[in-house]
C-alpha atoms as a PDB file:
ATOM      1  CA  UNK A   1      -0.037  24.201  18.084  1.00  0.00           C
ATOM      2  CA  UNK A   2      -3.633  23.998  16.877  1.00  0.00           C
ATOM      3  CA  UNK A   3      -6.160  21.325  17.829  1.00  0.00           C
ATOM      4  CA  UNK A   4      -5.425  19.674  14.472  1.00  0.00           C
ATOM      5  CA  UNK A   5      -1.897  18.916  15.684  1.00  0.00           C
ATOM      6  CA  UNK A   6      -2.960  17.682  19.111  1.00  0.00           C
ATOM      7  CA  UNK A   7      -2.120  14.047  18.333  1.00  0.00           C
ATOM      8  CA  UNK A   8       1.503  14.720  17.453  1.00  0.00           C
ATOM      9  CA  UNK A   9       4.479  14.270  19.745  1.00  0.00           C
ATOM     10  CA  UNK A  10       6.966  17.179  20.030  1.00  0.00           C
ATOM     11  CA  UNK A  11       9.428  15.219  17.874  1.00  0.00           C
ATOM     12  CA  UNK A  12       6.838  14.629  15.169  1.00  0.00           C
ATOM     13  CA  UNK A  13       5.717  18.254  15.281  1.00  0.00           C
ATOM     14  CA  UNK A  14       9.284  19.288  14.559  1.00  0.00           C
ATOM     15  CA  UNK A  15       9.549  16.719  11.782  1.00  0.00           C
ATOM     16  CA  UNK A  16       6.326  18.027  10.233  1.00  0.00           C
ATOM     17  CA  UNK A  17       7.730  21.538  10.318  1.00  0.00           C
ATOM     18  CA  UNK A  18      11.115  20.659   8.832  1.00  0.00           C
ATOM     19  CA  UNK A  19      10.171  17.949   6.323  1.00  0.00           C
ATOM     20  CA  UNK A  20       6.574  18.769   5.401  1.00  0.00           C
ATOM     21  CA  UNK A  21       6.559  22.574   5.733  1.00  0.00           C
ATOM     22  CA  UNK A  22       3.718  22.356   8.254  1.00  0.00           C
ATOM     23  CA  UNK A  23       3.147  25.686   9.996  1.00  0.00           C
ATOM     24  CA  UNK A  24       0.584  25.896  12.824  1.00  0.00           C
ATOM     25  CA  UNK A  25       0.149  29.626  12.178  1.00  0.00           C
ATOM     26  CA  UNK A  26      -1.078  29.058   8.613  1.00  0.00           C
ATOM     27  CA  UNK A  27      -2.593  25.591   8.970  1.00  0.00           C
ATOM     28  CA  UNK A  28      -6.236  26.639   8.664  1.00  0.00           C
ATOM     29  CA  UNK A  29      -5.411  28.891   5.711  1.00  0.00           C
ATOM     30  CA  UNK A  30      -3.583  26.043   3.987  1.00  0.00           C
ATOM     31  CA  UNK A  31      -6.584  23.773   4.450  1.00  0.00           C
ATOM     32  CA  UNK A  32      -9.005  26.401   3.181  1.00  0.00           C
ATOM     33  CA  UNK A  33      -6.933  26.992   0.041  1.00  0.00           C
ATOM     34  CA  UNK A  34      -7.241  23.308  -0.825  1.00  0.00           C
ATOM     35  CA  UNK A  35     -10.940  23.278   0.006  1.00  0.00           C
ATOM     36  CA  UNK A  36     -11.537  26.298  -2.251  1.00  0.00           C
ATOM     37  CA  UNK A  37     -10.253  24.285  -5.236  1.00  0.00           C
ATOM     38  CA  UNK A  38     -13.097  21.758  -4.924  1.00  0.00           C
ATOM     39  CA  UNK A  39     -15.363  23.905  -7.100  1.00  0.00           C
ATOM     40  CA  UNK A  40     -12.914  23.491  -9.997  1.00  0.00           C
ATOM     41  CA  UNK A  41     -13.854  19.803 -10.286  1.00  0.00           C
ATOM     42  CA  UNK A  42     -17.670  19.614 -10.409  1.00  0.00           C
ATOM     43  CA  UNK A  43     -17.338  16.181 -12.038  1.00  0.00           C
ATOM     44  CA  UNK A  44     -16.132  14.678  -8.764  1.00  0.00           C
ATOM     45  CA  UNK A  45     -18.237  14.026  -5.688  1.00  0.00           C
ATOM     46  CA  UNK A  46     -16.084  15.196  -2.791  1.00  0.00           C
ATOM     47  CA  UNK A  47     -17.813  13.285  -0.011  1.00  0.00           C
ATOM     48  CA  UNK A  48     -15.604  14.663   2.726  1.00  0.00           C
ATOM     49  CA  UNK A  49     -13.815  18.025   2.986  1.00  0.00           C
ATOM     50  CA  UNK A  50     -13.464  18.624   6.725  1.00  0.00           C
ATOM     51  CA  UNK A  51     -10.233  20.078   8.123  1.00  0.00           C
ATOM     52  CA  UNK A  52      -8.783  16.849   9.521  1.00  0.00           C
ATOM     53  CA  UNK A  53      -9.431  14.995   6.271  1.00  0.00           C
ATOM     54  CA  UNK A  54      -7.830  17.618   4.016  1.00  0.00           C
ATOM     55  CA  UNK A  55      -4.862  17.884   6.373  1.00  0.00           C
ATOM     56  CA  UNK A  56      -3.760  14.324   5.631  1.00  0.00           C
ATOM     57  CA  UNK A  57      -3.537  15.183   1.919  1.00  0.00           C
ATOM     58  CA  UNK A  58      -1.489  18.287   2.658  1.00  0.00           C
ATOM     59  CA  UNK A  59       0.909  16.224   4.739  1.00  0.00           C
ATOM     60  CA  UNK A  60       1.183  13.609   2.014  1.00  0.00           C
ATOM     61  CA  UNK A  61       2.244  16.329  -0.471  1.00  0.00           C
ATOM     62  CA  UNK A  62       4.402  18.448   1.837  1.00  0.00           C
ATOM     63  CA  UNK A  63       1.874  21.287   1.952  1.00  0.00           C
ATOM     64  CA  UNK A  64       2.020  21.979  -1.767  1.00  0.00           C
ATOM     65  CA  UNK A  65      -1.557  23.150  -2.148  1.00  0.00           C
ATOM     66  CA  UNK A  66      -2.191  22.177  -5.755  1.00  0.00           C
ATOM     67  CA  UNK A  67      -0.516  18.773  -5.388  1.00  0.00           C
ATOM     68  CA  UNK A  68      -2.553  18.106  -2.238  1.00  0.00           C
ATOM     69  CA  UNK A  69      -5.761  19.014  -4.059  1.00  0.00           C
ATOM     70  CA  UNK A  70      -4.847  16.837  -7.036  1.00  0.00           C
ATOM     71  CA  UNK A  71      -4.328  13.902  -4.675  1.00  0.00           C
ATOM     72  CA  UNK A  72      -7.654  14.646  -2.969  1.00  0.00           C
ATOM     73  CA  UNK A  73      -9.401  14.706  -6.345  1.00  0.00           C
ATOM     74  CA  UNK A  74      -7.740  11.476  -7.458  1.00  0.00           C
ATOM     75  CA  UNK A  75      -8.754   9.826  -4.163  1.00  0.00           C
ATOM     76  CA  UNK A  76     -12.463  10.371  -4.862  1.00  0.00           C
ATOM     77  CA  UNK A  77     -12.140   9.892  -8.616  1.00  0.00           C
ATOM     78  CA  UNK A  78     -10.566   6.457  -8.062  1.00  0.00           C
ATOM     79  CA  UNK A  79     -13.536   5.466  -5.933  1.00  0.00           C
ATOM     80  CA  UNK A  80     -16.019   6.746  -8.495  1.00  0.00           C
ATOM     81  CA  UNK A  81     -14.298   4.855 -11.308  1.00  0.00           C
ATOM     82  CA  UNK A  82     -14.137   1.602  -9.329  1.00  0.00           C
ATOM     83  CA  UNK A  83     -17.503   1.583  -7.571  1.00  0.00           C
ATOM     84  CA  UNK A  84     -17.672  -2.209  -7.246  1.00  0.00           C
ATOM     85  CA  UNK A  85     -14.503  -2.219  -5.158  1.00  0.00           C
ATOM     86  CA  UNK A  86     -16.073   0.031  -2.549  1.00  0.00           C
ATOM     87  CA  UNK A  87     -19.669  -1.277  -2.408  1.00  0.00           C
ATOM     88  CA  UNK A  88     -18.991  -3.399   0.673  1.00  0.00           C
ATOM     89  CA  UNK A  89     -15.863  -1.681   1.890  1.00  0.00           C
ATOM     90  CA  UNK A  90     -15.655  -3.014   5.438  1.00  0.00           C
ATOM     91  CA  UNK A  91     -13.586  -5.545   7.336  1.00  0.00           C
ATOM     92  CA  UNK A  92     -16.501  -7.990   7.616  1.00  0.00           C
ATOM     93  CA  UNK A  93     -16.943  -8.244   3.849  1.00  0.00           C
ATOM     94  CA  UNK A  94     -16.136 -11.938   3.232  1.00  0.00           C
ATOM     95  CA  UNK A  95     -13.410 -11.350   0.639  1.00  0.00           C
ATOM     96  CA  UNK A  96     -11.711  -8.608   2.633  1.00  0.00           C
ATOM     97  CA  UNK A  97     -12.076 -10.571   5.853  1.00  0.00           C
ATOM     98  CA  UNK A  98     -10.354 -13.670   4.507  1.00  0.00           C
ATOM     99  CA  UNK A  99      -7.561 -11.618   2.972  1.00  0.00           C
ATOM    100  CA  UNK A 100      -7.022  -9.877   6.312  1.00  0.00           C
ATOM    101  CA  UNK A 101      -6.939 -13.193   8.179  1.00  0.00           C
ATOM    102  CA  UNK A 102      -4.230 -14.416   5.798  1.00  0.00           C
ATOM    103  CA  UNK A 103      -2.120 -11.360   6.570  1.00  0.00           C
ATOM    104  CA  UNK A 104      -2.996  -9.044   3.665  1.00  0.00           C
ATOM    105  CA  UNK A 105      -1.706  -6.841   5.096  1.00  0.00           C
ATOM    106  CA  UNK A 106       0.053  -7.572   8.359  1.00  0.00           C
ATOM    107  CA  UNK A 107       1.355  -4.874  10.664  1.00  0.00           C
ATOM    108  CA  UNK A 108       4.324  -5.148  13.010  1.00  0.00           C
ATOM    109  CA  UNK A 109       3.884  -3.963  16.583  1.00  0.00           C
ATOM    110  CA  UNK A 110       7.029  -1.833  16.622  1.00  0.00           C
ATOM    111  CA  UNK A 111       7.656   1.235  14.491  1.00  0.00           C
ATOM    112  CA  UNK A 112      10.973   1.634  12.714  1.00  0.00           C
ATOM    113  CA  UNK A 113      13.580   4.133  13.866  1.00  0.00           C
ATOM    114  CA  UNK A 114      11.892   6.879  11.810  1.00  0.00           C
ATOM    115  CA  UNK A 115       8.545   6.278  13.493  1.00  0.00           C
ATOM    116  CA  UNK A 116       7.065   4.549  10.428  1.00  0.00           C
ATOM    117  CA  UNK A 117       4.532   1.729  10.561  1.00  0.00           C
ATOM    118  CA  UNK A 118       5.902  -1.492   9.068  1.00  0.00           C
ATOM    119  CA  UNK A 119       3.420  -3.396   6.916  1.00  0.00           C
ATOM    120  CA  UNK A 120       4.219  -6.943   5.815  1.00  0.00           C
ATOM    121  CA  UNK A 121       2.828  -9.143   3.056  1.00  0.00           C
ATOM    122  CA  UNK A 122       3.586 -12.852   2.706  1.00  0.00           C
ATOM    123  CA  UNK A 123       2.675 -13.302  -0.944  1.00  0.00           C
ATOM    124  CA  UNK A 124       2.438 -17.113  -0.908  1.00  0.00           C
ATOM    125  CA  UNK A 125      -0.424 -16.904   1.631  1.00  0.00           C
ATOM    126  CA  UNK A 126      -2.828 -15.903  -1.132  1.00  0.00           C
ATOM    127  CA  UNK A 127      -5.539 -18.561  -1.385  1.00  0.00           C
ATOM    128  CA  UNK A 128      -6.857 -18.093  -4.924  1.00  0.00           C
ATOM    129  CA  UNK A 129      -9.829 -20.358  -4.239  1.00  0.00           C
ATOM    130  CA  UNK A 130     -11.231 -18.089  -1.516  1.00  0.00           C
ATOM    131  CA  UNK A 131     -10.557 -14.508  -2.566  1.00  0.00           C
ATOM    132  CA  UNK A 132      -9.110 -12.518  -5.442  1.00  0.00           C
ATOM    133  CA  UNK A 133      -6.294 -10.047  -5.900  1.00  0.00           C
ATOM    134  CA  UNK A 134      -8.912  -7.298  -5.893  1.00  0.00           C
ATOM    135  CA  UNK A 135      -9.948  -8.467  -2.422  1.00  0.00           C
ATOM    136  CA  UNK A 136      -6.315  -8.190  -1.305  1.00  0.00           C
ATOM    137  CA  UNK A 137      -6.101  -4.663  -2.688  1.00  0.00           C
ATOM    138  CA  UNK A 138      -9.358  -3.757  -0.955  1.00  0.00           C
ATOM    139  CA  UNK A 139      -8.054  -5.165   2.331  1.00  0.00           C
ATOM    140  CA  UNK A 140      -4.866  -3.122   1.996  1.00  0.00           C
ATOM    141  CA  UNK A 141      -6.763   0.078   1.188  1.00  0.00           C
ATOM    142  CA  UNK A 142      -9.188  -0.501   4.063  1.00  0.00           C
ATOM    143  CA  UNK A 143      -6.264  -1.063   6.434  1.00  0.00           C
ATOM    144  CA  UNK A 144      -4.571   2.121   5.283  1.00  0.00           C
ATOM    145  CA  UNK A 145      -7.822   4.020   5.834  1.00  0.00           C
ATOM    146  CA  UNK A 146      -7.818   2.859   9.447  1.00  0.00           C
ATOM    147  CA  UNK A 147      -4.115   3.503  10.021  1.00  0.00           C
ATOM    148  CA  UNK A 148      -4.022   6.941   8.410  1.00  0.00           C
ATOM    149  CA  UNK A 149      -6.403   8.204  11.101  1.00  0.00           C
ATOM    150  CA  UNK A 150      -3.277   8.304  13.304  1.00  0.00           C
ATOM    151  CA  UNK A 151      -1.700  11.755  12.805  1.00  0.00           C
ATOM    152  CA  UNK A 152       1.715  10.353  13.720  1.00  0.00           C
ATOM    153  CA  UNK A 153       1.542   8.033  10.691  1.00  0.00           C
ATOM    154  CA  UNK A 154       0.334  10.877   8.482  1.00  0.00           C
ATOM    155  CA  UNK A 155       3.662  12.561   9.160  1.00  0.00           C
ATOM    156  CA  UNK A 156       6.010   9.594   9.567  1.00  0.00           C
ATOM    157  CA  UNK A 157       4.483   7.261   6.998  1.00  0.00           C
ATOM    158  CA  UNK A 158       4.840   3.565   6.255  1.00  0.00           C
ATOM    159  CA  UNK A 159       7.299   0.904   5.167  1.00  0.00           C
ATOM    160  CA  UNK A 160       6.190  -2.179   3.239  1.00  0.00           C
ATOM    161  CA  UNK A 161       7.997  -5.535   3.202  1.00  0.00           C
ATOM    162  CA  UNK A 162       6.822  -8.162   0.705  1.00  0.00           C
ATOM    163  CA  UNK A 163       8.105 -11.700   1.190  1.00  0.00           C
ATOM    164  CA  UNK A 164       7.874 -13.629  -2.090  1.00  0.00           C
ATOM    165  CA  UNK A 165       9.029 -16.970  -0.643  1.00  0.00           C
ATOM    166  CA  UNK A 166       7.153 -19.908  -2.247  1.00  0.00           C
ATOM    167  CA  UNK A 167       5.137 -17.577  -4.485  1.00  0.00           C
ATOM    168  CA  UNK A 168       4.536 -19.732  -7.538  1.00  0.00           C
ATOM    169  CA  UNK A 169       4.702 -18.850 -11.200  1.00  0.00           C
ATOM    170  CA  UNK A 170       1.020 -19.788 -11.424  1.00  0.00           C
ATOM    171  CA  UNK A 171       0.185 -17.197  -8.775  1.00  0.00           C
ATOM    172  CA  UNK A 172       2.395 -14.657 -10.515  1.00  0.00           C
ATOM    173  CA  UNK A 173       0.490 -15.187 -13.761  1.00  0.00           C
ATOM    174  CA  UNK A 174      -2.496 -13.488 -12.092  1.00  0.00           C
ATOM    175  CA  UNK A 175      -0.497 -10.274 -11.718  1.00  0.00           C
ATOM    176  CA  UNK A 176      -1.698  -8.897 -15.024  1.00  0.00           C
ATOM    177  CA  UNK A 177      -0.936  -5.351 -16.195  1.00  0.00           C
ATOM    178  CA  UNK A 178      -4.561  -4.333 -15.591  1.00  0.00           C
ATOM    179  CA  UNK A 179      -4.465  -5.606 -12.016  1.00  0.00           C
ATOM    180  CA  UNK A 180      -1.135  -3.933 -11.366  1.00  0.00           C
ATOM    181  CA  UNK A 181      -2.419  -0.703 -12.872  1.00  0.00           C
ATOM    182  CA  UNK A 182      -5.387  -0.805 -10.493  1.00  0.00           C
ATOM    183  CA  UNK A 183      -3.045  -1.256  -7.521  1.00  0.00           C
ATOM    184  CA  UNK A 184      -0.623   1.449  -8.652  1.00  0.00           C
ATOM    185  CA  UNK A 185      -3.446   3.934  -9.166  1.00  0.00           C
ATOM    186  CA  UNK A 186      -4.998   3.081  -5.802  1.00  0.00           C
ATOM    187  CA  UNK A 187      -1.820   3.169  -3.715  1.00  0.00           C
ATOM    188  CA  UNK A 188       0.634   5.445  -5.480  1.00  0.00           C
ATOM    189  CA  UNK A 189      -1.669   7.991  -7.109  1.00  0.00           C
ATOM    190  CA  UNK A 190      -4.813   8.123  -4.996  1.00  0.00           C
ATOM    191  CA  UNK A 191      -4.040   7.599  -1.326  1.00  0.00           C
ATOM    192  CA  UNK A 192      -2.615  10.133   1.174  1.00  0.00           C
ATOM    193  CA  UNK A 193       0.080   7.947   2.681  1.00  0.00           C
ATOM    194  CA  UNK A 194       3.828   8.493   2.705  1.00  0.00           C
ATOM    195  CA  UNK A 195       5.749   5.312   1.838  1.00  0.00           C
ATOM    196  CA  UNK A 196       9.360   5.545   2.911  1.00  0.00           C
ATOM    197  CA  UNK A 197      10.381   2.164   1.545  1.00  0.00           C
ATOM    198  CA  UNK A 198       9.043  -0.886  -0.305  1.00  0.00           C
ATOM    199  CA  UNK A 199      11.206  -3.945   0.234  1.00  0.00           C
ATOM    200  CA  UNK A 200      11.096  -7.163  -1.809  1.00  0.00           C
ATOM    201  CA  UNK A 201      12.719 -10.185  -0.149  1.00  0.00           C
ATOM    202  CA  UNK A 202      13.176 -13.726  -1.436  1.00  0.00           C
ATOM    203  CA  UNK A 203      11.712 -12.762  -4.794  1.00  0.00           C
ATOM    204  CA  UNK A 204      11.986 -15.401  -7.555  1.00  0.00           C
ATOM    205  CA  UNK A 205      13.367 -14.459 -10.943  1.00  0.00           C
ATOM    206  CA  UNK A 206       9.925 -13.949 -12.455  1.00  0.00           C
ATOM    207  CA  UNK A 207       9.007 -11.321  -9.866  1.00  0.00           C
ATOM    208  CA  UNK A 208      12.179  -9.445 -10.712  1.00  0.00           C
ATOM    209  CA  UNK A 209      11.218  -9.703 -14.382  1.00  0.00           C
ATOM    210  CA  UNK A 210       7.743  -8.395 -13.556  1.00  0.00           C
ATOM    211  CA  UNK A 211       9.226  -5.433 -11.708  1.00  0.00           C
ATOM    212  CA  UNK A 212      11.350  -4.643 -14.753  1.00  0.00           C
ATOM    213  CA  UNK A 213       8.153  -4.395 -16.795  1.00  0.00           C
ATOM    214  CA  UNK A 214       6.171  -2.177 -14.400  1.00  0.00           C
ATOM    215  CA  UNK A 215       9.078   0.048 -13.342  1.00  0.00           C
ATOM    216  CA  UNK A 216       8.531   2.610 -16.139  1.00  0.00           C
ATOM    217  CA  UNK A 217       4.967   3.160 -14.908  1.00  0.00           C
ATOM    218  CA  UNK A 218       6.065   4.073 -11.390  1.00  0.00           C
ATOM    219  CA  UNK A 219       6.829   7.627 -10.369  1.00  0.00           C
ATOM    220  CA  UNK A 220      10.512   8.419  -9.927  1.00  0.00           C
ATOM    221  CA  UNK A 221       9.899   9.042  -6.233  1.00  0.00           C
ATOM    222  CA  UNK A 222       8.373   5.578  -5.894  1.00  0.00           C
ATOM    223  CA  UNK A 223      11.188   3.893  -7.834  1.00  0.00           C
ATOM    224  CA  UNK A 224      13.777   5.422  -5.516  1.00  0.00           C
ATOM    225  CA  UNK A 225      12.058   3.786  -2.567  1.00  0.00           C
ATOM    226  CA  UNK A 226      11.905   0.239  -3.917  1.00  0.00           C
ATOM    227  CA  UNK A 227      14.572  -2.238  -2.829  1.00  0.00           C
ATOM    228  CA  UNK A 228      15.079  -5.709  -4.266  1.00  0.00           C
ATOM    229  CA  UNK A 229      16.977  -7.683  -1.643  1.00  0.00           C
ATOM    230  CA  UNK A 230      16.629 -11.219  -2.947  1.00  0.00           C
ATOM    231  CA  UNK A 231      17.939 -13.592  -0.279  1.00  0.00           C
ATOM    232  CA  UNK A 232      20.246 -10.945   1.175  1.00  0.00           C
ATOM    233  CA  UNK A 233      18.515 -10.149   4.444  1.00  0.00           C
ATOM    234  CA  UNK A 234      21.606  -8.326   5.679  1.00  0.00           C
ATOM    235  CA  UNK A 235      20.834  -5.524   3.241  1.00  0.00           C
ATOM    236  CA  UNK A 236      17.289  -5.369   4.654  1.00  0.00           C
ATOM    237  CA  UNK A 237      18.707  -5.119   8.173  1.00  0.00           C
ATOM    238  CA  UNK A 238      20.787  -2.124   7.166  1.00  0.00           C
ATOM    239  CA  UNK A 239      17.536  -0.237   6.648  1.00  0.00           C
ATOM    240  CA  UNK A 240      15.200  -1.887   9.164  1.00  0.00           C
ATOM    241  CA  UNK A 241      16.780  -3.062  12.390  1.00  0.00           C
ATOM    242  CA  UNK A 242      16.479  -6.815  13.061  1.00  0.00           C
ATOM    243  CA  UNK A 243      15.475  -6.088  16.669  1.00  0.00           C
ATOM    244  CA  UNK A 244      11.976  -5.149  15.480  1.00  0.00           C
ATOM    245  CA  UNK A 245      11.596  -7.798  12.745  1.00  0.00           C
ATOM    246  CA  UNK A 246      10.065 -11.291  13.061  1.00  0.00           C
ATOM    247  CA  UNK A 247      12.187 -14.344  12.394  1.00  0.00           C
ATOM    248  CA  UNK A 248      10.862 -14.704   8.818  1.00  0.00           C
ATOM    249  CA  UNK A 249      12.947 -11.652   7.943  1.00  0.00           C
ATOM    250  CA  UNK A 250      15.975 -12.753   9.923  1.00  0.00           C
ATOM    251  CA  UNK A 251      14.819 -10.684  12.874  1.00  0.00           C
ATOM    252  CA  UNK A 252      15.048 -11.278  16.597  1.00  0.00           C
ATOM    253  CA  UNK A 253      11.301 -11.496  17.267  1.00  0.00           C
ATOM    254  CA  UNK A 254       9.114 -14.637  17.102  1.00  0.00           C
ATOM    255  CA  UNK A 255       7.394 -15.590  13.819  1.00  0.00           C
ATOM    256  CA  UNK A 256       4.695 -13.176  12.752  1.00  0.00           C
ATOM    257  CA  UNK A 257       1.106 -14.031  13.678  1.00  0.00           C
ATOM    258  CA  UNK A 258      -0.872 -13.499  10.466  1.00  0.00           C
ATOM    259  CA  UNK A 259      -4.061 -12.627  12.337  1.00  0.00           C
ATOM    260  CA  UNK A 260      -2.590  -9.760  14.371  1.00  0.00           C
ATOM    261  CA  UNK A 261      -3.913  -6.863  12.319  1.00  0.00           C
ATOM    262  CA  UNK A 262      -7.093  -8.727  11.323  1.00  0.00           C
ATOM    263  CA  UNK A 263      -8.043  -9.114  14.995  1.00  0.00           C
ATOM    264  CA  UNK A 264      -7.621  -5.371  15.476  1.00  0.00           C
ATOM    265  CA  UNK A 265     -10.032  -4.567  12.653  1.00  0.00           C
ATOM    266  CA  UNK A 266     -12.490  -7.418  13.172  1.00  0.00           C
ATOM    267  CA  UNK A 267     -12.437  -7.618  16.964  1.00  0.00           C
ATOM    268  CA  UNK A 268     -15.053 -10.183  18.125  1.00  0.00           C
ATOM    269  CA  UNK A 269     -16.007 -11.021  14.532  1.00  0.00           C
ATOM    270  CA  UNK A 270     -12.566 -12.428  13.741  1.00  0.00           C
ATOM    271  CA  UNK A 271     -13.665 -16.032  14.385  1.00  0.00           C
ATOM    272  CA  UNK A 272     -17.134 -15.662  12.867  1.00  0.00           C
ATOM    273  CA  UNK A 273     -16.942 -17.439   9.513  1.00  0.00           C
ATOM    274  CA  UNK A 274     -20.670 -17.640   8.883  1.00  0.00           C
ATOM    275  CA  UNK A 275     -20.303 -15.420   5.816  1.00  0.00           C
ATOM    276  CA  UNK A 276     -17.348 -17.289   4.353  1.00  0.00           C
ATOM    277  CA  UNK A 277     -19.017 -18.683   1.283  1.00  0.00           C
ATOM    278  CA  UNK A 278     -16.622 -18.269  -1.629  1.00  0.00           C
ATOM    279  CA  UNK A 279     -19.397 -18.217  -4.228  1.00  0.00           C
ATOM    280  CA  UNK A 280     -21.172 -15.383  -2.459  1.00  0.00           C
ATOM    281  CA  UNK A 281     -18.386 -12.890  -2.859  1.00  0.00           C
ATOM    282  CA  UNK A 282     -15.753 -14.007  -5.342  1.00  0.00           C
ATOM    283  CA  UNK A 283     -17.768 -13.367  -8.505  1.00  0.00           C
ATOM    284  CA  UNK A 284     -18.022  -9.540  -8.297  1.00  0.00           C
ATOM    285  CA  UNK A 285     -14.309  -9.172  -7.608  1.00  0.00           C
ATOM    286  CA  UNK A 286     -13.456 -11.557 -10.441  1.00  0.00           C
ATOM    287  CA  UNK A 287     -15.642  -9.502 -12.731  1.00  0.00           C
ATOM    288  CA  UNK A 288     -13.668  -6.415 -11.767  1.00  0.00           C
ATOM    289  CA  UNK A 289     -10.412  -8.115 -12.693  1.00  0.00           C
ATOM    290  CA  UNK A 290     -11.860  -9.431 -15.956  1.00  0.00           C
ATOM    291  CA  UNK A 291     -13.353  -6.118 -17.062  1.00  0.00           C
ATOM    292  CA  UNK A 292     -10.383  -3.888 -16.293  1.00  0.00           C
ATOM    293  CA  UNK A 293      -8.954  -2.188 -19.343  1.00  0.00           C
ATOM    294  CA  UNK A 294      -5.458  -0.760 -18.840  1.00  0.00           C
ATOM    295  CA  UNK A 295      -5.282   2.957 -19.573  1.00  0.00           C
ATOM    296  CA  UNK A 296      -1.590   3.668 -19.247  1.00  0.00           C
ATOM    297  CA  UNK A 297      -0.106   0.170 -19.409  1.00  0.00           C
ATOM    298  CA  UNK A 298      -0.724  -0.828 -23.001  1.00  0.00           C
ATOM    299  CA  UNK A 299       0.635  -4.343 -22.907  1.00  0.00           C
ATOM    300  CA  UNK A 300      -0.798  -7.800 -23.357  1.00  0.00           C
ATOM    301  CA  UNK A 301      -2.328  -9.654 -20.421  1.00  0.00           C
ATOM    302  CA  UNK A 302       0.710 -11.910 -20.112  1.00  0.00           C
ATOM    303  CA  UNK A 303       2.749 -11.249 -16.994  1.00  0.00           C
ATOM    304  CA  UNK A 304       5.955 -10.236 -18.751  1.00  0.00           C
ATOM    305  CA  UNK A 305       7.349  -9.842 -22.213  1.00  0.00           C
ATOM    306  CA  UNK A 306       8.758 -13.221 -23.302  1.00  0.00           C
ATOM    307  CA  UNK A 307      11.907 -11.454 -24.425  1.00  0.00           C
ATOM    308  CA  UNK A 308      12.454 -10.232 -20.891  1.00  0.00           C
ATOM    309  CA  UNK A 309      12.070 -13.753 -19.531  1.00  0.00           C
ATOM    310  CA  UNK A 310      14.650 -15.118 -21.946  1.00  0.00           C
ATOM    311  CA  UNK A 311      17.156 -12.520 -20.839  1.00  0.00           C
ATOM    312  CA  UNK A 312      16.598 -13.257 -17.166  1.00  0.00           C
ATOM    313  CA  UNK A 313      19.064 -15.599 -15.548  1.00  0.00           C
ATOM    314  CA  UNK A 314      17.382 -17.661 -12.860  1.00  0.00           C
ATOM    315  CA  UNK A 315      20.455 -17.356 -10.674  1.00  0.00           C
ATOM    316  CA  UNK A 316      20.618 -13.580 -11.026  1.00  0.00           C
ATOM    317  CA  UNK A 317      18.355 -12.779  -8.098  1.00  0.00           C
ATOM    318  CA  UNK A 318      20.279 -14.983  -5.712  1.00  0.00           C
ATOM    319  CA  UNK A 319      23.232 -12.628  -5.968  1.00  0.00           C
ATOM    320  CA  UNK A 320      21.158  -9.484  -6.153  1.00  0.00           C
ATOM    321  CA  UNK A 321      22.033  -6.507  -3.949  1.00  0.00           C
ATOM    322  CA  UNK A 322      19.567  -3.717  -3.205  1.00  0.00           C
ATOM    323  CA  UNK A 323      19.182  -1.839  -6.475  1.00  0.00           C
ATOM    324  CA  UNK A 324      18.146   1.486  -5.019  1.00  0.00           C
ATOM    325  CA  UNK A 325      18.564   3.560  -1.898  1.00  0.00           C
ATOM    326  CA  UNK A 326      16.425   6.098  -0.112  1.00  0.00           C
ATOM    327  CA  UNK A 327      17.118   9.699  -0.897  1.00  0.00           C
END
C-alpha cells in the first residue's frame, strides 16, 4: 500500500482492487500516464495535477487512463466555460449558503451497506425568491468537492435520493433543457464521483414526463442507475435499508435536519445572515440561466413536449414500480 492509499480501510482497498483495477504496485505509473496527457490539451488550464487529485479521476473511471484523462479535461473545461458559476465558489457565497441551509444537498449520517454516502434533496424546499437553480447546482458541486476529498468515497461513491413531494408545476417549469444540460454536464460528465443510484420518490406526473424527455441525453450507465419509485417506498427500502433512512423516506430515524450538512461546511458562519441580500447575488446566477444555450439538447425552453404531457396519465405514477435496477 502506498501513501496515496493510506486513507482506505482493508475492505475498501480490496474493493478498489477488484472493482476499480487499482494496483498499488503501478499506482504512480498510472497517475503519471494521465498527467503526461495534459500536454495534448493546451487549450485547457489544468490548475491542479498532483498525484492525489489525478487519483480520484482514475478511480472514477476504473483506472482506464484515457477515460480518466478525458474526465479530468472535462472537469476543467466545464469550469472555464462557466466562469460565472465559479467566481465565488465557497460555502459563504450568499446564494450557495441559502441553498445549503435549505438542504441542497443534505447528507445522511450513515453510509449504505456498500459504504456509499447518501445525499438527499427535498425539491419543494427551493425558495425561488432567494436563490436560483444555478445556486443549487453550485451548492451541490461545492459539497461534492468537499466530500470527494475522502478516499473512501472516491472508491465507494454516492447515492442520491430526490423527494419530489409538494414540488409544484410552477417550480418544475424552471427546469428548462438548458438548465438540465448544465447540471448533466457538471455532474455526469465533469465530476470524478461514482454514483451508484439516483432515486426519485413521490414524483408527480410532470416530473416523470420530464425524465422521459431528458432520458435520451443521459449515458446508458447513468440510466441504469436511476429508479423512479413514485409512492412505493418499499421498493426504495429494497435498495437502501430503512434502518439508516429518516422518517420522510419511511425510515426508522427521526426527520432529517435540513441544516446538518450546511453546518459542517459553514461551521460558525451558519447563523450569520448578514450577507443574505437577495438582490446582491441573485442577478448573476439568473443571467447564467438566461444566457445558457443548449448544445446537445435542441428543444424549446418549455419543460416537456406537449404531446408527452397529453399521453401521460396523472394516475400512472401512483402505481409506478422502479423502472430500472442496478447492474
